[in-house]
Amino acid sequence: MRGTIEQKIEALISMKKYPQTLQYSGNLALLEKKKISIVGSRKPSQYTKMMTHNLSFAVISKNKLEYTKTNRNILRIIEV
């Protein structure tokens, strides 16, 4: 599913400037589950890529999460 989120998302309220509009793709019910976010750089070094990969897969493995990788190297984490 795709669309625009009308209600405010509690996890984002602490942002300095809340987005005027939020687009989504997928299952909105996942917003109610545990989630992680790893923010990176547009031009990461090889070391940064390696450490981000290691960190994200350690979190995924420890918490028994599933993931999908999008075409822009974004991991979508899905709780099992």
Protein backbone atom coordinates (compact mmCIF):
# COMPACT_ATOMS: atom_id res chain seq x y z
CA MET A 1 0.00 0.00 0.00
CA ARG A 2 1.09 3.57 -0.63
CA GLY A 3 -0.30 6.86 0.57
CA THR A 4 0.04 9.84 2.86
CA ILE A 5 -0.06 9.56 6.64
CA GLU A 6 -2.56 12.01 8.09
CA GLN A 7 -2.06 11.45 11.84
CA LYS A 8 1.12 12.33 13.73
CA ILE A 9 3.42 9.46 14.54
CA GLU A 10 4.41 9.44 18.21
CA ALA A 11 7.95 8.22 17.50
CA LEU A 12 8.56 11.31 15.33
CA ILE A 13 7.01 13.99 17.57
CA SER A 14 10.36 14.70 19.26
CA MET A 15 11.83 15.89 15.94
CA LYS A 16 12.91 19.51 15.92
CA LYS A 17 10.73 20.16 12.87
CA TYR A 18 7.98 17.63 12.24
CA PRO A 19 7.46 16.94 8.50
CA GLN A 20 4.45 18.62 6.89
CA THR A 21 3.61 15.48 4.92
CA LEU A 22 4.73 11.87 5.25
CA GLN A 23 4.49 9.40 2.40
CA TYR A 24 4.54 5.68 3.08
CA SER A 25 4.84 2.43 1.24
CA GLY A 26 3.94 -0.81 3.00
CA ASN A 27 2.13 -1.91 6.12
CA LEU A 28 1.32 0.96 8.53
CA ALA A 29 0.73 -1.53 11.36
CA LEU A 30 4.51 -2.03 11.50
CA LEU A 31 4.82 1.47 13.01
CA GLU A 32 3.37 0.04 16.23
CA LYS A 33 6.11 -2.60 16.53
CA LYS A 34 9.76 -2.36 17.60
CA LYS A 35 11.92 -0.52 15.10
CA ILE A 36 15.45 0.70 14.57
CA SER A 37 16.87 3.41 12.39
CA ILE A 38 20.44 3.74 11.21
CA VAL A 39 21.24 7.11 9.69
CA GLY A 40 24.30 7.40 7.52
CA SER A 41 26.13 9.50 4.99
CA ARG A 42 25.60 9.93 1.27
CA LYS A 43 29.27 9.15 0.70
CA PRO A 44 30.29 6.67 3.41
CA SER A 45 33.84 5.38 3.65
CA GLN A 46 34.51 1.67 3.23
CA TYR A 47 35.01 1.41 7.02
CA THR A 48 31.62 3.07 7.65
CA LYS A 49 29.88 0.70 5.24
CA MET A 50 31.44 -2.32 6.94
CA MET A 51 30.60 -1.15 10.47
CA THR A 52 27.02 -0.22 9.55
CA HIS A 53 26.55 -3.64 7.98
CA ASN A 54 27.97 -5.40 11.05
CA LEU A 55 25.89 -3.33 13.48
CA SER A 56 22.62 -3.71 11.60
CA PHE A 57 22.97 -7.47 11.18
CA ALA A 58 23.93 -7.90 14.84
CA VAL A 59 20.73 -6.10 15.88
CA ILE A 60 18.68 -8.12 13.38
CA SER A 61 20.14 -11.43 14.57
CA LYS A 62 19.86 -10.68 18.29
CA ASN A 63 16.23 -9.57 18.06
CA LYS A 64 15.22 -12.25 15.55
CA LEU A 65 14.04 -9.69 13.01
CA GLU A 66 13.55 -10.07 9.28
CA TYR A 67 14.65 -7.46 6.77
CA THR A 68 14.34 -6.55 3.14
CA LYS A 69 16.82 -4.44 1.22
CA THR A 70 15.48 -1.77 -1.12
CA ASN A 71 17.14 -0.56 -4.30
CA ARG A 72 18.74 2.34 -2.39
CA ASN A 73 20.53 0.16 0.17
CA ILE A 74 17.84 0.76 2.77
CA LEU A 75 17.00 -2.12 5.07
CA ARG A 76 13.34 -2.51 5.91
CA ILE A 77 13.16 -4.32 9.22
CA ILE A 78 10.15 -6.55 9.81
CA GLU A 79 9.36 -8.13 13.17
CA VAL A 80 8.77 -11.88 12.92
